[in-house]
Amino acid sequence: MRNCWIAALLILTAATGFGQSRPTAQAAPTVQAKKTAKAPASDAHVEQAIRARLAASKIGKNGFTVRVQGGTATLEGRTDVIQHKGTATRLAKRAGATRVVNKIQVSQAAKDKAARNLSSPQRAQVKRAELTARSEPRSNQ
């Protein structure tokens, strides 16, 4: 009986190839996507893209001037909204500028308004749990 089991095991291992050295798996030829290095856009294209993005946004009415040289965008102008300065920088970066020099000046009125907003007391947020803790306890019926 024992010989039958050994014979069956030998037949099984021979059929599956167990114990034989397997040939090393050769890598299937893969088609690699060509890594096309994106050529840097010309300064004129980047400048045009920045102007288009500014014109399409809400801050386009400010009339910022844009110059691009060597991939560096220089933004100039004035604004009455303090957040427009940061928005202009983000738009220029997304349009392809490698660096942004933001010379946009924020009006004194906008600076004063921001200072007032920071110094005024903020409204406190009250959580529901705090409201129920202050009110009379509910009776469990």
Protein backbone atom coordinates (compact mmCIF):
# COMPACT_ATOMS: atom_id res chain seq x y z
CA MET A 1 0.00 0.00 0.00
CA ARG A 2 2.84 2.30 0.89
CA ASN A 3 4.43 1.68 -2.49
CA CYS A 4 1.20 2.72 -4.20
CA TRP A 5 1.25 6.06 -2.41
CA ILE A 6 4.89 6.65 -3.33
CA ALA A 7 4.24 5.70 -6.94
CA ALA A 8 1.20 7.99 -7.07
CA LEU A 9 3.24 10.85 -5.58
CA LEU A 10 6.03 10.32 -8.12
CA ILE A 11 3.58 10.29 -10.99
CA LEU A 12 1.89 13.42 -9.69
CA THR A 13 5.15 15.31 -9.26
CA ALA A 14 6.35 14.24 -12.69
CA ALA A 15 3.09 15.38 -14.28
CA THR A 16 3.16 18.79 -12.64
CA GLY A 17 6.85 19.33 -13.14
CA PHE A 18 7.49 19.69 -9.43
CA GLY A 19 11.15 19.30 -8.56
CA GLN A 20 12.32 20.20 -12.04
CA SER A 21 14.22 23.36 -12.48
CA ARG A 22 11.98 25.85 -14.16
CA PRO A 23 13.35 28.06 -16.86
CA THR A 24 13.69 31.60 -15.69
CA ALA A 25 10.70 33.65 -16.57
CA GLN A 26 11.52 35.89 -19.43
CA ALA A 27 9.91 39.22 -19.33
CA ALA A 28 7.27 39.46 -21.95
CA PRO A 29 8.14 42.15 -24.38
CA THR A 30 6.27 45.19 -23.22
CA VAL A 31 5.50 48.21 -25.21
CA GLN A 32 6.60 51.13 -23.15
CA ALA A 33 4.91 54.39 -23.72
CA LYS A 34 7.27 56.89 -25.14
CA LYS A 35 8.12 59.35 -22.46
CA THR A 36 7.86 62.54 -24.34
CA ALA A 37 9.45 65.27 -22.38
CA LYS A 38 7.14 68.19 -22.60
CA ALA A 39 8.97 71.00 -24.23
CA PRO A 40 8.69 74.15 -22.19
CA ALA A 41 6.11 76.47 -23.65
CA SER A 42 7.40 79.64 -25.17
CA ASP A 43 7.14 82.82 -23.16
CA ALA A 44 4.60 84.21 -25.62
CA HIS A 45 2.36 81.15 -25.19
CA VAL A 46 2.57 81.30 -21.40
CA GLU A 47 1.85 85.03 -21.41
CA GLN A 48 -1.15 84.51 -23.69
CA ALA A 49 -2.43 81.68 -21.46
CA ILE A 50 -2.11 83.83 -18.32
CA ARG A 51 -3.97 86.71 -19.96
CA ALA A 52 -6.72 84.33 -21.09
CA ARG A 53 -7.11 82.89 -17.60
CA LEU A 54 -7.18 86.33 -16.02
CA ALA A 55 -9.78 87.53 -18.53
CA ALA A 56 -11.98 84.48 -17.89
CA SER A 57 -11.87 84.94 -14.12
CA LYS A 58 -13.57 87.45 -11.86
CA ILE A 59 -10.29 89.26 -11.28
CA GLY A 60 -9.92 90.09 -14.98
CA LYS A 61 -11.61 93.45 -14.40
CA ASN A 62 -8.57 94.63 -12.43
CA GLY A 63 -6.54 94.94 -15.62
CA PHE A 64 -3.30 93.42 -14.33
CA THR A 65 -0.32 93.61 -16.68
CA VAL A 66 1.57 90.41 -17.44
CA ARG A 67 5.11 89.90 -18.75
CA VAL A 68 6.83 86.55 -19.15
CA GLN A 69 10.56 86.20 -19.64
CA GLY A 70 12.44 82.93 -19.31
CA GLY A 71 9.34 81.23 -17.89
CA THR A 72 9.06 83.80 -15.09
CA ALA A 73 5.80 85.74 -15.06
CA THR A 74 5.74 89.24 -13.64
CA LEU A 75 2.33 90.54 -12.57
CA GLU A 76 1.70 94.21 -11.93
CA GLY A 77 -1.31 96.36 -11.13
CA ARG A 78 -3.58 97.41 -8.29
CA THR A 79 -6.53 95.75 -6.61
CA ASP A 80 -9.12 96.61 -4.00
CA VAL A 81 -9.57 92.99 -2.93
CA ILE A 82 -6.71 91.46 -0.98
CA GLN A 83 -7.42 87.90 -2.18
CA HIS A 84 -6.99 88.85 -5.85
CA LYS A 85 -3.23 89.05 -5.44
CA GLY A 86 -2.96 85.37 -4.46
CA THR A 87 -5.49 84.33 -7.08
CA ALA A 88 -3.45 86.00 -9.81
CA THR A 89 -0.34 84.09 -8.71
CA ARG A 90 -2.19 80.75 -8.79
CA LEU A 91 -3.63 81.47 -12.23
CA ALA A 92 -0.19 82.31 -13.61
CA LYS A 93 1.30 79.10 -12.21
CA ARG A 94 -1.50 76.99 -13.66
CA ALA A 95 -1.05 78.67 -17.03
CA GLY A 96 2.52 77.38 -17.21
CA ALA A 97 4.75 79.96 -15.54
CA THR A 98 7.71 78.34 -13.82
CA ARG A 99 8.01 81.23 -11.38
CA VAL A 100 5.80 84.21 -10.54
CA VAL A 101 6.94 87.64 -9.38
CA ASN A 102 3.80 89.27 -8.01
CA LYS A 103 4.10 93.05 -7.87
CA ILE A 104 0.36 93.63 -7.54
CA GLN A 105 -0.34 96.36 -5.00
CA VAL A 106 -3.27 96.07 -2.63
CA SER A 107 -5.10 99.33 -1.92
CA GLN A 108 -4.97 100.83 1.55
CA ALA A 109 -8.75 100.52 1.82
CA ALA A 110 -8.50 96.76 1.28
CA LYS A 111 -5.73 96.49 3.88
CA ASP A 112 -7.80 98.49 6.39
CA LYS A 113 -10.85 96.31 5.75
CA ALA A 114 -8.81 93.14 6.33
CA ALA A 115 -7.38 94.60 9.56
CA ARG A 116 -10.90 95.47 10.80
CA ASN A 117 -12.12 91.96 10.01
CA LEU A 118 -9.26 90.44 11.96
CA SER A 119 -9.66 92.70 14.99
CA SER A 120 -13.45 92.44 15.30
CA PRO A 121 -14.73 89.74 17.63
CA GLN A 122 -15.77 86.65 15.79
CA ARG A 123 -19.10 85.02 16.39
CA ALA A 124 -18.85 81.97 18.57
CA GLN A 125 -20.19 78.71 17.31
CA VAL A 126 -22.35 76.87 19.77
CA LYS A 127 -22.73 73.15 19.43
CA ARG A 128 -26.05 71.44 19.93
CA ALA A 129 -24.73 69.47 22.89
CA GLU A 130 -23.92 72.72 24.67
CA LEU A 131 -27.44 74.01 24.07
CA THR A 132 -29.08 70.92 25.50
CA ALA A 133 -26.75 70.99 28.51
CA ARG A 134 -27.96 74.49 29.35
CA SER A 135 -31.63 73.70 28.97
CA GLU A 136 -33.66 71.72 31.43
CA PRO A 137 -32.97 67.99 31.42
CA ARG A 138 -35.39 65.94 29.41
CA SER A 139 -37.49 63.39 31.14
CA ASN A 140 -37.20 59.87 29.82
CA GLN A 141 -40.75 58.60 29.42
